[in-house]
């Protein structure tokens, strides 16, 4: 699928396609209760209600369990936004990650990644965006509506958490959303308040963000990125219509040097870690070991810069290499 024309001028060709059904673990929403939060001004969007769903348990790869919750934020225009949350059960959360999924995907299709963050003690919240093939009202939204809806979803989620600082994370289309929250400046639809940057963002983790897309996001749009960041790609991660994975690194190359921004390149890894994230229906086998490696490096970035841990920054810098199956570079 190539999608999301913006004002008829550009089309995002992020690459997620062919999703069928719901392969997640936590699909049942029950025992809902309504919590009135009041009206919060949100650049033209008001968050008025949250509804919480039934908890379930998700085993992590490290043997811990996380509590999985579904909840709902209702915007002033009446549009409900379902939020998937993973909470560590054995410790108080050490950091908060707000995660934006790839085009046409869904939060639960990233559990192989999210489980590593939860095992490290992080709380993860992720909205189900309207472009998801699992969104129950997807057909009501035109392709052009996906970008402003994503902005609204992430702003509402951040506002729901009040003054709390957080890490913005995402994959592909969601990686662009995370970068925008960290200061990048892609084209903004009419009527959406700017800047997109949220000063509460401490760091960005962007898995395979898009290469420049004419009329929507060019190299200059990535230059204002203002926080430490990890930009990940792989040597088999080809943007649609190209044979060069390096386009995913423009988000790393464009900002001025000196901002603690890291590029991670994994040998042989494609856009989906062969079905480990985003598209679980792919034949695989999923690249779980490579995903675990990427997750470990993202955790060091979060620990080092969102939690200001010197040991984590030293560990991250000790991994730096310009060659080999795991390349890690810093600007």
C-alpha atoms as a PDB file:
ATOM      1  CA  UNK A   1       0.000   0.000   0.000  1.00  0.00           C
ATOM      2  CA  UNK A   2       1.221   3.479  -0.711  1.00  0.00           C
ATOM      3  CA  UNK A   3      -0.941   5.898   1.097  1.00  0.00           C
ATOM      4  CA  UNK A   4      -1.841   9.163   2.634  1.00  0.00           C
ATOM      5  CA  UNK A   5      -1.997  11.853  -0.066  1.00  0.00           C
ATOM      6  CA  UNK A   6      -1.754  15.247   1.619  1.00  0.00           C
ATOM      7  CA  UNK A   7      -3.750  17.936  -0.101  1.00  0.00           C
ATOM      8  CA  UNK A   8      -3.237  16.068  -3.364  1.00  0.00           C
ATOM      9  CA  UNK A   9       0.422  17.102  -3.427  1.00  0.00           C
ATOM     10  CA  UNK A  10       2.289  14.120  -2.058  1.00  0.00           C
ATOM     11  CA  UNK A  11       1.848  10.497  -1.166  1.00  0.00           C
ATOM     12  CA  UNK A  12       3.486   8.683   1.716  1.00  0.00           C
ATOM     13  CA  UNK A  13       4.794   5.335   0.599  1.00  0.00           C
ATOM     14  CA  UNK A  14       5.799   4.005   3.977  1.00  0.00           C
ATOM     15  CA  UNK A  15       5.419   0.382   2.985  1.00  0.00           C
ATOM     16  CA  UNK A  16       3.118  -1.321   5.495  1.00  0.00           C
ATOM     17  CA  UNK A  17       0.555  -3.392   3.636  1.00  0.00           C
ATOM     18  CA  UNK A  18      -1.520  -6.525   3.528  1.00  0.00           C
ATOM     19  CA  UNK A  19      -2.636  -6.715   7.157  1.00  0.00           C
ATOM     20  CA  UNK A  20      -5.365  -9.219   7.897  1.00  0.00           C
ATOM     21  CA  UNK A  21      -7.190  -9.930  11.126  1.00  0.00           C
ATOM     22  CA  UNK A  22      -6.046  -9.393  14.687  1.00  0.00           C
ATOM     23  CA  UNK A  23      -3.025 -11.425  15.718  1.00  0.00           C
ATOM     24  CA  UNK A  24      -2.598  -9.709  19.065  1.00  0.00           C
ATOM     25  CA  UNK A  25      -2.787 -11.252  22.505  1.00  0.00           C
ATOM     26  CA  UNK A  26      -4.924  -8.635  24.207  1.00  0.00           C
ATOM     27  CA  UNK A  27      -7.987  -8.300  22.031  1.00  0.00           C
ATOM     28  CA  UNK A  28     -10.822  -8.340  24.545  1.00  0.00           C
ATOM     29  CA  UNK A  29     -12.052  -5.084  26.056  1.00  0.00           C
ATOM     30  CA  UNK A  30     -14.389  -5.581  28.973  1.00  0.00           C
ATOM     31  CA  UNK A  31     -15.422  -4.202  32.351  1.00  0.00           C
ATOM     32  CA  UNK A  32     -15.274  -0.638  31.095  1.00  0.00           C
ATOM     33  CA  UNK A  33     -15.670   2.210  33.508  1.00  0.00           C
ATOM     34  CA  UNK A  34     -15.856   5.874  32.701  1.00  0.00           C
ATOM     35  CA  UNK A  35     -13.565   8.420  34.312  1.00  0.00           C
ATOM     36  CA  UNK A  36     -14.488  12.044  33.723  1.00  0.00           C
ATOM     37  CA  UNK A  37     -11.306  14.038  33.296  1.00  0.00           C
ATOM     38  CA  UNK A  38     -12.804  17.404  32.450  1.00  0.00           C
ATOM     39  CA  UNK A  39     -12.055  19.488  29.383  1.00  0.00           C
ATOM     40  CA  UNK A  40      -8.419  20.099  28.491  1.00  0.00           C
ATOM     41  CA  UNK A  41      -7.519  22.602  25.790  1.00  0.00           C
ATOM     42  CA  UNK A  42      -5.404  20.793  23.260  1.00  0.00           C
ATOM     43  CA  UNK A  43      -4.791  23.037  20.262  1.00  0.00           C
ATOM     44  CA  UNK A  44      -8.392  22.713  19.184  1.00  0.00           C
ATOM     45  CA  UNK A  45      -8.779  19.153  20.493  1.00  0.00           C
ATOM     46  CA  UNK A  46     -10.250  18.553  23.931  1.00  0.00           C
ATOM     47  CA  UNK A  47      -9.706  15.357  25.842  1.00  0.00           C
ATOM     48  CA  UNK A  48     -12.885  14.756  27.800  1.00  0.00           C
ATOM     49  CA  UNK A  49     -13.176  11.114  28.791  1.00  0.00           C
ATOM     50  CA  UNK A  50     -11.073   8.028  29.409  1.00  0.00           C
ATOM     51  CA  UNK A  51     -12.413   4.497  29.659  1.00  0.00           C
ATOM     52  CA  UNK A  52     -10.283   1.678  30.997  1.00  0.00           C
ATOM     53  CA  UNK A  53     -10.411  -1.918  29.858  1.00  0.00           C
ATOM     54  CA  UNK A  54      -9.684  -5.216  31.541  1.00  0.00           C
ATOM     55  CA  UNK A  55      -6.107  -6.044  32.430  1.00  0.00           C
ATOM     56  CA  UNK A  56      -4.360  -9.051  30.954  1.00  0.00           C
ATOM     57  CA  UNK A  57      -0.924 -10.557  31.374  1.00  0.00           C
ATOM     58  CA  UNK A  58       1.731 -10.666  28.675  1.00  0.00           C
ATOM     59  CA  UNK A  59       4.861 -12.750  29.136  1.00  0.00           C
ATOM     60  CA  UNK A  60       8.072 -10.986  28.156  1.00  0.00           C
ATOM     61  CA  UNK A  61      11.114 -12.550  26.561  1.00  0.00           C
ATOM     62  CA  UNK A  62      13.018 -11.944  29.779  1.00  0.00           C
ATOM     63  CA  UNK A  63      10.592 -14.010  31.843  1.00  0.00           C
ATOM     64  CA  UNK A  64       8.811 -11.066  33.468  1.00  0.00           C
ATOM     65  CA  UNK A  65       5.177 -10.300  33.001  1.00  0.00           C
ATOM     66  CA  UNK A  66       3.655  -6.991  32.013  1.00  0.00           C
ATOM     67  CA  UNK A  67       0.152  -5.825  32.655  1.00  0.00           C
ATOM     68  CA  UNK A  68      -1.614  -5.057  29.405  1.00  0.00           C
ATOM     69  CA  UNK A  69      -4.488  -2.591  29.449  1.00  0.00           C
ATOM     70  CA  UNK A  70      -6.786  -1.178  26.844  1.00  0.00           C
ATOM     71  CA  UNK A  71      -8.343   2.207  27.454  1.00  0.00           C
ATOM     72  CA  UNK A  72     -10.119   4.860  25.464  1.00  0.00           C
ATOM     73  CA  UNK A  73      -9.649   8.593  25.122  1.00  0.00           C
ATOM     74  CA  UNK A  74     -12.597  10.467  23.668  1.00  0.00           C
ATOM     75  CA  UNK A  75     -11.821  13.727  21.893  1.00  0.00           C
ATOM     76  CA  UNK A  76     -14.068  16.762  21.862  1.00  0.00           C
ATOM     77  CA  UNK A  77     -15.309  15.918  18.373  1.00  0.00           C
ATOM     78  CA  UNK A  78     -16.492  12.567  19.706  1.00  0.00           C
ATOM     79  CA  UNK A  79     -13.784  10.457  18.086  1.00  0.00           C
ATOM     80  CA  UNK A  80     -12.653   7.665  20.412  1.00  0.00           C
ATOM     81  CA  UNK A  81      -8.977   6.716  20.483  1.00  0.00           C
ATOM     82  CA  UNK A  82      -8.174   3.260  21.822  1.00  0.00           C
ATOM     83  CA  UNK A  83      -4.922   3.169  23.807  1.00  0.00           C
ATOM     84  CA  UNK A  84      -2.910   0.009  24.397  1.00  0.00           C
ATOM     85  CA  UNK A  85      -0.750   0.114  27.512  1.00  0.00           C
ATOM     86  CA  UNK A  86       1.908  -2.183  28.922  1.00  0.00           C
ATOM     87  CA  UNK A  87       2.869  -1.709  32.567  1.00  0.00           C
ATOM     88  CA  UNK A  88       5.703  -3.473  34.408  1.00  0.00           C
ATOM     89  CA  UNK A  89       4.283  -5.533  37.253  1.00  0.00           C
ATOM     90  CA  UNK A  90       7.380  -6.051  39.372  1.00  0.00           C
ATOM     91  CA  UNK A  91       8.604  -2.506  39.741  1.00  0.00           C
ATOM     92  CA  UNK A  92       7.563   1.095  39.650  1.00  0.00           C
ATOM     93  CA  UNK A  93       7.862   2.407  36.056  1.00  0.00           C
ATOM     94  CA  UNK A  94      11.254   3.994  35.448  1.00  0.00           C
ATOM     95  CA  UNK A  95      10.229   5.894  32.303  1.00  0.00           C
ATOM     96  CA  UNK A  96       7.243   6.419  30.026  1.00  0.00           C
ATOM     97  CA  UNK A  97       7.286   5.663  26.296  1.00  0.00           C
ATOM     98  CA  UNK A  98       4.545   6.916  23.994  1.00  0.00           C
ATOM     99  CA  UNK A  99       4.642   4.785  20.855  1.00  0.00           C
ATOM    100  CA  UNK A 100       3.175   5.356  17.371  1.00  0.00           C
ATOM    101  CA  UNK A 101       2.758   2.264  15.176  1.00  0.00           C
ATOM    102  CA  UNK A 102       3.510   1.967  11.462  1.00  0.00           C
ATOM    103  CA  UNK A 103       0.975   2.653   8.723  1.00  0.00           C
ATOM    104  CA  UNK A 104      -1.923   0.169   8.660  1.00  0.00           C
ATOM    105  CA  UNK A 105      -0.492  -1.735  11.643  1.00  0.00           C
ATOM    106  CA  UNK A 106      -1.566  -1.784  15.317  1.00  0.00           C
ATOM    107  CA  UNK A 107       0.087  -1.481  18.750  1.00  0.00           C
ATOM    108  CA  UNK A 108      -0.118  -5.168  19.668  1.00  0.00           C
ATOM    109  CA  UNK A 109       1.842  -6.095  16.541  1.00  0.00           C
ATOM    110  CA  UNK A 110       4.903  -4.627  18.252  1.00  0.00           C
ATOM    111  CA  UNK A 111       4.857  -6.741  21.402  1.00  0.00           C
ATOM    112  CA  UNK A 112       8.159  -8.422  20.483  1.00  0.00           C
ATOM    113  CA  UNK A 113       9.727  -4.957  20.773  1.00  0.00           C
ATOM    114  CA  UNK A 114       7.623  -3.550  23.582  1.00  0.00           C
ATOM    115  CA  UNK A 115       8.299  -6.544  25.834  1.00  0.00           C
ATOM    116  CA  UNK A 116      11.961  -5.486  26.065  1.00  0.00           C
ATOM    117  CA  UNK A 117      11.035  -1.979  27.162  1.00  0.00           C
ATOM    118  CA  UNK A 118       8.577  -3.280  29.755  1.00  0.00           C
ATOM    119  CA  UNK A 119      11.151  -5.749  31.097  1.00  0.00           C
ATOM    120  CA  UNK A 120      13.519  -2.788  31.541  1.00  0.00           C
ATOM    121  CA  UNK A 121      10.878  -1.151  33.721  1.00  0.00           C
ATOM    122  CA  UNK A 122       9.250   1.214  31.245  1.00  0.00           C
ATOM    123  CA  UNK A 123       5.559   1.942  30.858  1.00  0.00           C
ATOM    124  CA  UNK A 124       4.428   1.979  27.205  1.00  0.00           C
ATOM    125  CA  UNK A 125       1.267   3.581  25.802  1.00  0.00           C
ATOM    126  CA  UNK A 126       0.292   3.356  22.130  1.00  0.00           C
ATOM    127  CA  UNK A 127      -2.841   4.608  20.336  1.00  0.00           C
ATOM    128  CA  UNK A 128      -4.587   2.682  17.586  1.00  0.00           C
ATOM    129  CA  UNK A 129      -4.445   5.154  14.694  1.00  0.00           C
ATOM    130  CA  UNK A 130      -7.300   5.486  12.196  1.00  0.00           C
ATOM    131  CA  UNK A 131      -5.174   4.188   9.297  1.00  0.00           C
ATOM    132  CA  UNK A 132      -4.840   0.793  10.991  1.00  0.00           C
ATOM    133  CA  UNK A 133      -6.550  -2.056   9.159  1.00  0.00           C
ATOM    134  CA  UNK A 134      -7.664  -3.155  12.634  1.00  0.00           C
ATOM    135  CA  UNK A 135      -9.369   0.161  13.378  1.00  0.00           C
ATOM    136  CA  UNK A 136     -13.126  -0.525  13.534  1.00  0.00           C
ATOM    137  CA  UNK A 137     -14.005   2.724  11.727  1.00  0.00           C
ATOM    138  CA  UNK A 138     -11.112   2.941   9.297  1.00  0.00           C
ATOM    139  CA  UNK A 139     -13.414   3.297   6.284  1.00  0.00           C
ATOM    140  CA  UNK A 140     -14.819   6.544   7.706  1.00  0.00           C
ATOM    141  CA  UNK A 141     -11.488   8.305   7.286  1.00  0.00           C
ATOM    142  CA  UNK A 142      -9.962   9.377   4.007  1.00  0.00           C
ATOM    143  CA  UNK A 143      -6.268   8.693   3.456  1.00  0.00           C
ATOM    144  CA  UNK A 144      -5.590  12.417   3.875  1.00  0.00           C
ATOM    145  CA  UNK A 145      -7.056  12.262   7.389  1.00  0.00           C
ATOM    146  CA  UNK A 146      -4.394   9.904   8.732  1.00  0.00           C
ATOM    147  CA  UNK A 147      -1.673  12.481   9.440  1.00  0.00           C
ATOM    148  CA  UNK A 148      -3.797  15.034  11.336  1.00  0.00           C
ATOM    149  CA  UNK A 149      -5.452  12.138  13.211  1.00  0.00           C
ATOM    150  CA  UNK A 150      -2.061  10.790  14.271  1.00  0.00           C
ATOM    151  CA  UNK A 151      -1.038  14.225  15.508  1.00  0.00           C
ATOM    152  CA  UNK A 152      -4.290  14.482  17.467  1.00  0.00           C
ATOM    153  CA  UNK A 153      -3.874  10.975  18.908  1.00  0.00           C
ATOM    154  CA  UNK A 154      -0.367  11.588  20.193  1.00  0.00           C
ATOM    155  CA  UNK A 155      -1.150  15.057  21.518  1.00  0.00           C
ATOM    156  CA  UNK A 156      -4.169  13.736  23.396  1.00  0.00           C
ATOM    157  CA  UNK A 157      -2.143  10.866  24.839  1.00  0.00           C
ATOM    158  CA  UNK A 158       0.647  13.200  25.977  1.00  0.00           C
ATOM    159  CA  UNK A 159      -1.861  15.640  27.463  1.00  0.00           C
ATOM    160  CA  UNK A 160      -3.540  12.802  29.317  1.00  0.00           C
ATOM    161  CA  UNK A 161      -0.234  12.226  31.100  1.00  0.00           C
ATOM    162  CA  UNK A 162      -0.076  15.890  32.093  1.00  0.00           C
ATOM    163  CA  UNK A 163       3.313  17.345  32.918  1.00  0.00           C
ATOM    164  CA  UNK A 164       5.049  13.980  32.828  1.00  0.00           C
ATOM    165  CA  UNK A 165       8.073  13.837  30.546  1.00  0.00           C
ATOM    166  CA  UNK A 166       8.342  10.931  28.144  1.00  0.00           C
ATOM    167  CA  UNK A 167      10.230   9.224  25.332  1.00  0.00           C
ATOM    168  CA  UNK A 168       8.600   9.486  21.896  1.00  0.00           C
ATOM    169  CA  UNK A 169       9.008   6.269  19.928  1.00  0.00           C
ATOM    170  CA  UNK A 170       7.635   4.839  16.723  1.00  0.00           C
ATOM    171  CA  UNK A 171       8.172   2.726  13.636  1.00  0.00           C
ATOM    172  CA  UNK A 172       8.063   3.919  10.014  1.00  0.00           C
ATOM    173  CA  UNK A 173       5.135   6.383   9.756  1.00  0.00           C
ATOM    174  CA  UNK A 174       5.093   6.281  13.554  1.00  0.00           C
ATOM    175  CA  UNK A 175       8.831   6.972  13.580  1.00  0.00           C
ATOM    176  CA  UNK A 176       8.130  10.199  11.717  1.00  0.00           C
ATOM    177  CA  UNK A 177       5.498  11.053  14.320  1.00  0.00           C
ATOM    178  CA  UNK A 178       8.029  10.483  17.109  1.00  0.00           C
ATOM    179  CA  UNK A 179      10.612  12.640  15.347  1.00  0.00           C
ATOM    180  CA  UNK A 180       8.042  15.424  14.919  1.00  0.00           C
ATOM    181  CA  UNK A 181       7.323  15.353  18.650  1.00  0.00           C
ATOM    182  CA  UNK A 182      11.073  15.698  19.158  1.00  0.00           C
ATOM    183  CA  UNK A 183      11.359  18.740  16.898  1.00  0.00           C
ATOM    184  CA  UNK A 184      11.305  17.603  13.251  1.00  0.00           C
ATOM    185  CA  UNK A 185       9.021  19.686  11.039  1.00  0.00           C
ATOM    186  CA  UNK A 186       7.173  17.755   8.323  1.00  0.00           C
ATOM    187  CA  UNK A 187       4.312  19.429   6.484  1.00  0.00           C
ATOM    188  CA  UNK A 188       1.427  20.201   8.826  1.00  0.00           C
ATOM    189  CA  UNK A 189      -2.165  20.103   7.532  1.00  0.00           C
ATOM    190  CA  UNK A 190      -4.208  23.323   7.699  1.00  0.00           C
ATOM    191  CA  UNK A 191      -5.810  23.929  11.071  1.00  0.00           C
ATOM    192  CA  UNK A 192      -3.235  21.949  13.069  1.00  0.00           C
ATOM    193  CA  UNK A 193      -1.392  23.980  15.679  1.00  0.00           C
ATOM    194  CA  UNK A 194       2.358  24.217  15.284  1.00  0.00           C
ATOM    195  CA  UNK A 195       5.034  23.492  16.213  1.00  0.00           C
ATOM    196  CA  UNK A 196       4.532  19.756  16.513  1.00  0.00           C
ATOM    197  CA  UNK A 197       7.392  19.532  18.985  1.00  0.00           C
ATOM    198  CA  UNK A 198       6.396  18.677  22.543  1.00  0.00           C
ATOM    199  CA  UNK A 199       8.811  20.102  25.144  1.00  0.00           C
ATOM    200  CA  UNK A 200       8.026  17.127  27.403  1.00  0.00           C
ATOM    201  CA  UNK A 201       9.885  14.772  25.038  1.00  0.00           C
ATOM    202  CA  UNK A 202      13.215  13.731  26.513  1.00  0.00           C
ATOM    203  CA  UNK A 203      14.458  11.527  23.674  1.00  0.00           C
ATOM    204  CA  UNK A 204      13.269   9.884  20.453  1.00  0.00           C
ATOM    205  CA  UNK A 205      13.526   6.268  19.312  1.00  0.00           C
ATOM    206  CA  UNK A 206      12.636   5.987  15.615  1.00  0.00           C
ATOM    207  CA  UNK A 207      12.689   2.573  13.973  1.00  0.00           C
ATOM    208  CA  UNK A 208      13.026   2.952  10.203  1.00  0.00           C
ATOM    209  CA  UNK A 209      11.561   6.445   9.760  1.00  0.00           C
ATOM    210  CA  UNK A 210      10.697   7.376   6.169  1.00  0.00           C
ATOM    211  CA  UNK A 211      13.194   8.722   3.694  1.00  0.00           C
ATOM    212  CA  UNK A 212      12.397  12.217   2.381  1.00  0.00           C
ATOM    213  CA  UNK A 213       9.028  12.423   0.605  1.00  0.00           C
ATOM    214  CA  UNK A 214       8.597  15.375  -1.771  1.00  0.00           C
ATOM    215  CA  UNK A 215       5.901  17.756  -0.614  1.00  0.00           C
ATOM    216  CA  UNK A 216       5.670  16.207   2.832  1.00  0.00           C
ATOM    217  CA  UNK A 217       9.029  15.797   4.535  1.00  0.00           C
ATOM    218  CA  UNK A 218      12.408  16.740   3.069  1.00  0.00           C
ATOM    219  CA  UNK A 219      15.875  16.636   4.587  1.00  0.00           C
ATOM    220  CA  UNK A 220      15.496  20.161   5.939  1.00  0.00           C
ATOM    221  CA  UNK A 221      12.380  19.082   7.832  1.00  0.00           C
ATOM    222  CA  UNK A 222      14.468  16.680   9.898  1.00  0.00           C
ATOM    223  CA  UNK A 223      17.073  19.327  10.767  1.00  0.00           C
ATOM    224  CA  UNK A 224      15.205  20.871  13.766  1.00  0.00           C
ATOM    225  CA  UNK A 225      15.281  17.605  15.723  1.00  0.00           C
ATOM    226  CA  UNK A 226      16.123  18.928  19.177  1.00  0.00           C
ATOM    227  CA  UNK A 227      16.563  15.945  21.498  1.00  0.00           C
ATOM    228  CA  UNK A 228      18.833  12.888  21.718  1.00  0.00           C
ATOM    229  CA  UNK A 229      17.648  10.197  19.344  1.00  0.00           C
ATOM    230  CA  UNK A 230      18.229   6.702  18.023  1.00  0.00           C
ATOM    231  CA  UNK A 231      17.479   6.255  14.301  1.00  0.00           C
ATOM    232  CA  UNK A 232      17.407   2.580  13.262  1.00  0.00           C
ATOM    233  CA  UNK A 233      17.472   0.888   9.873  1.00  0.00           C
ATOM    234  CA  UNK A 234      18.856  -2.255   8.248  1.00  0.00           C
ATOM    235  CA  UNK A 235      20.703  -3.123   5.061  1.00  0.00           C
ATOM    236  CA  UNK A 236      17.575  -4.843   3.669  1.00  0.00           C
ATOM    237  CA  UNK A 237      15.291  -1.964   4.685  1.00  0.00           C
ATOM    238  CA  UNK A 238      14.568  -0.536   1.231  1.00  0.00           C
ATOM    239  CA  UNK A 239      12.125   2.394   0.953  1.00  0.00           C
ATOM    240  CA  UNK A 240       9.371   1.713  -1.606  1.00  0.00           C
ATOM    241  CA  UNK A 241      10.583   2.230  -5.148  1.00  0.00           C
ATOM    242  CA  UNK A 242      14.263   2.351  -4.209  1.00  0.00           C
ATOM    243  CA  UNK A 243      17.125  -0.039  -3.594  1.00  0.00           C
ATOM    244  CA  UNK A 244      18.958   2.106  -1.054  1.00  0.00           C
ATOM    245  CA  UNK A 245      18.257   1.687   2.652  1.00  0.00           C
ATOM    246  CA  UNK A 246      20.313   4.787   3.485  1.00  0.00           C
ATOM    247  CA  UNK A 247      17.335   7.073   2.929  1.00  0.00           C
ATOM    248  CA  UNK A 248      16.080   6.092   6.369  1.00  0.00           C
ATOM    249  CA  UNK A 249      19.169   7.762   7.874  1.00  0.00           C
ATOM    250  CA  UNK A 250      18.404  11.251   6.552  1.00  0.00           C
ATOM    251  CA  UNK A 251      16.631  11.919   9.845  1.00  0.00           C
ATOM    252  CA  UNK A 252      19.995  11.288  11.526  1.00  0.00           C
ATOM    253  CA  UNK A 253      22.169  13.107   8.998  1.00  0.00           C
ATOM    254  CA  UNK A 254      20.131  16.322   8.650  1.00  0.00           C
ATOM    255  CA  UNK A 255      20.327  17.749  12.208  1.00  0.00           C
ATOM    256  CA  UNK A 256      23.485  19.574  13.204  1.00  0.00           C
ATOM    257  CA  UNK A 257      26.166  17.454  14.820  1.00  0.00           C
ATOM    258  CA  UNK A 258      26.568  17.472  18.576  1.00  0.00           C
ATOM    259  CA  UNK A 259      23.061  16.560  19.676  1.00  0.00           C
ATOM    260  CA  UNK A 260      23.652  12.991  20.888  1.00  0.00           C
ATOM    261  CA  UNK A 261      21.884  11.424  17.933  1.00  0.00           C
ATOM    262  CA  UNK A 262      22.764   7.844  17.050  1.00  0.00           C
ATOM    263  CA  UNK A 263      22.299   5.828  13.860  1.00  0.00           C
ATOM    264  CA  UNK A 264      21.898   2.062  14.190  1.00  0.00           C
ATOM    265  CA  UNK A 265      22.320  -0.094  11.065  1.00  0.00           C
ATOM    266  CA  UNK A 266      21.713  -3.837  11.379  1.00  0.00           C
ATOM    267  CA  UNK A 267      23.063  -6.125   8.691  1.00  0.00           C
ATOM    268  CA  UNK A 268      20.355  -8.075   6.845  1.00  0.00           C
ATOM    269  CA  UNK A 269      17.447  -6.504   8.703  1.00  0.00           C
ATOM    270  CA  UNK A 270      14.425  -5.370   6.713  1.00  0.00           C
ATOM    271  CA  UNK A 271      11.607  -2.924   7.466  1.00  0.00           C
ATOM    272  CA  UNK A 272       9.687  -5.438   9.592  1.00  0.00           C
ATOM    273  CA  UNK A 273      12.469  -7.539  11.136  1.00  0.00           C
ATOM    274  CA  UNK A 274      10.883 -10.230   8.921  1.00  0.00           C
ATOM    275  CA  UNK A 275       7.543 -10.046  10.701  1.00  0.00           C
ATOM    276  CA  UNK A 276       8.787  -9.539  14.254  1.00  0.00           C
ATOM    277  CA  UNK A 277       7.172  -6.082  14.216  1.00  0.00           C
ATOM    278  CA  UNK A 278       4.352  -4.410  12.309  1.00  0.00           C
ATOM    279  CA  UNK A 279       3.447  -7.312   9.986  1.00  0.00           C
ATOM    280  CA  UNK A 280       3.231 -10.587  11.934  1.00  0.00           C
ATOM    281  CA  UNK A 281       1.693 -12.364   8.938  1.00  0.00           C
ATOM    282  CA  UNK A 282       4.987 -12.287   7.000  1.00  0.00           C
ATOM    283  CA  UNK A 283       6.611 -15.700   6.465  1.00  0.00           C
ATOM    284  CA  UNK A 284       9.722 -14.924   8.506  1.00  0.00           C
ATOM    285  CA  UNK A 285      11.444 -16.369  10.342  1.00  0.00           C
ATOM    286  CA  UNK A 286      11.242 -13.248  12.505  1.00  0.00           C
ATOM    287  CA  UNK A 287      14.553 -11.585  13.292  1.00  0.00           C
ATOM    288  CA  UNK A 288      14.053 -11.704  17.046  1.00  0.00           C
ATOM    289  CA  UNK A 289      17.751 -11.698  17.953  1.00  0.00           C
ATOM    290  CA  UNK A 290      18.344  -8.592  15.873  1.00  0.00           C
ATOM    291  CA  UNK A 291      15.269  -6.944  17.346  1.00  0.00           C
ATOM    292  CA  UNK A 292      16.501  -7.726  20.852  1.00  0.00           C
ATOM    293  CA  UNK A 293      19.814  -6.097  19.973  1.00  0.00           C
ATOM    294  CA  UNK A 294      18.076  -2.970  18.698  1.00  0.00           C
ATOM    295  CA  UNK A 295      15.888  -2.867  21.799  1.00  0.00           C
ATOM    296  CA  UNK A 296      18.923  -3.151  24.095  1.00  0.00           C
ATOM    297  CA  UNK A 297      20.580  -0.206  22.356  1.00  0.00           C
ATOM    298  CA  UNK A 298      17.371   1.825  22.573  1.00  0.00           C
ATOM    299  CA  UNK A 299      17.234   1.107  26.305  1.00  0.00           C
ATOM    300  CA  UNK A 300      20.779   2.405  26.725  1.00  0.00           C
ATOM    301  CA  UNK A 301      19.783   5.582  24.904  1.00  0.00           C
ATOM    302  CA  UNK A 302      16.730   6.028  27.127  1.00  0.00           C
ATOM    303  CA  UNK A 303      18.696   5.304  30.280  1.00  0.00           C
ATOM    304  CA  UNK A 304      21.533   7.561  29.207  1.00  0.00           C
ATOM    305  CA  UNK A 305      19.577  10.603  28.095  1.00  0.00           C
ATOM    306  CA  UNK A 306      16.009  10.372  29.414  1.00  0.00           C
ATOM    307  CA  UNK A 307      17.168   9.146  32.827  1.00  0.00           C
ATOM    308  CA  UNK A 308      20.631  10.786  32.750  1.00  0.00           C
ATOM    309  CA  UNK A 309      22.594   7.639  33.591  1.00  0.00           C
ATOM    310  CA  UNK A 310      26.285   8.047  32.800  1.00  0.00           C
ATOM    311  CA  UNK A 311      26.918   4.320  32.811  1.00  0.00           C
ATOM    312  CA  UNK A 312      24.333   3.820  30.075  1.00  0.00           C
ATOM    313  CA  UNK A 313      25.888   6.593  27.963  1.00  0.00           C
ATOM    314  CA  UNK A 314      29.289   4.973  28.333  1.00  0.00           C
ATOM    315  CA  UNK A 315      27.846   1.585  27.367  1.00  0.00           C
ATOM    316  CA  UNK A 316      26.183   3.122  24.327  1.00  0.00           C
ATOM    317  CA  UNK A 317      29.381   4.801  23.200  1.00  0.00           C
ATOM    318  CA  UNK A 318      31.338   1.596  23.740  1.00  0.00           C
ATOM    319  CA  UNK A 319      29.157  -0.039  21.083  1.00  0.00           C
ATOM    320  CA  UNK A 320      30.020   2.506  18.400  1.00  0.00           C
ATOM    321  CA  UNK A 321      31.334   0.966  15.201  1.00  0.00           C
ATOM    322  CA  UNK A 322      31.370   2.082  11.574  1.00  0.00           C
ATOM    323  CA  UNK A 323      31.516  -1.486  10.245  1.00  0.00           C
ATOM    324  CA  UNK A 324      30.263  -4.946  11.014  1.00  0.00           C
ATOM    325  CA  UNK A 325      26.835  -6.502  11.450  1.00  0.00           C
ATOM    326  CA  UNK A 326      25.886  -3.878  14.049  1.00  0.00           C
ATOM    327  CA  UNK A 327      26.921  -0.365  13.074  1.00  0.00           C
ATOM    328  CA  UNK A 328      26.344   2.405  15.577  1.00  0.00           C
ATOM    329  CA  UNK A 329      27.324   5.954  14.729  1.00  0.00           C
ATOM    330  CA  UNK A 330      26.905   9.214  16.635  1.00  0.00           C
ATOM    331  CA  UNK A 331      26.542  12.842  15.548  1.00  0.00           C
END
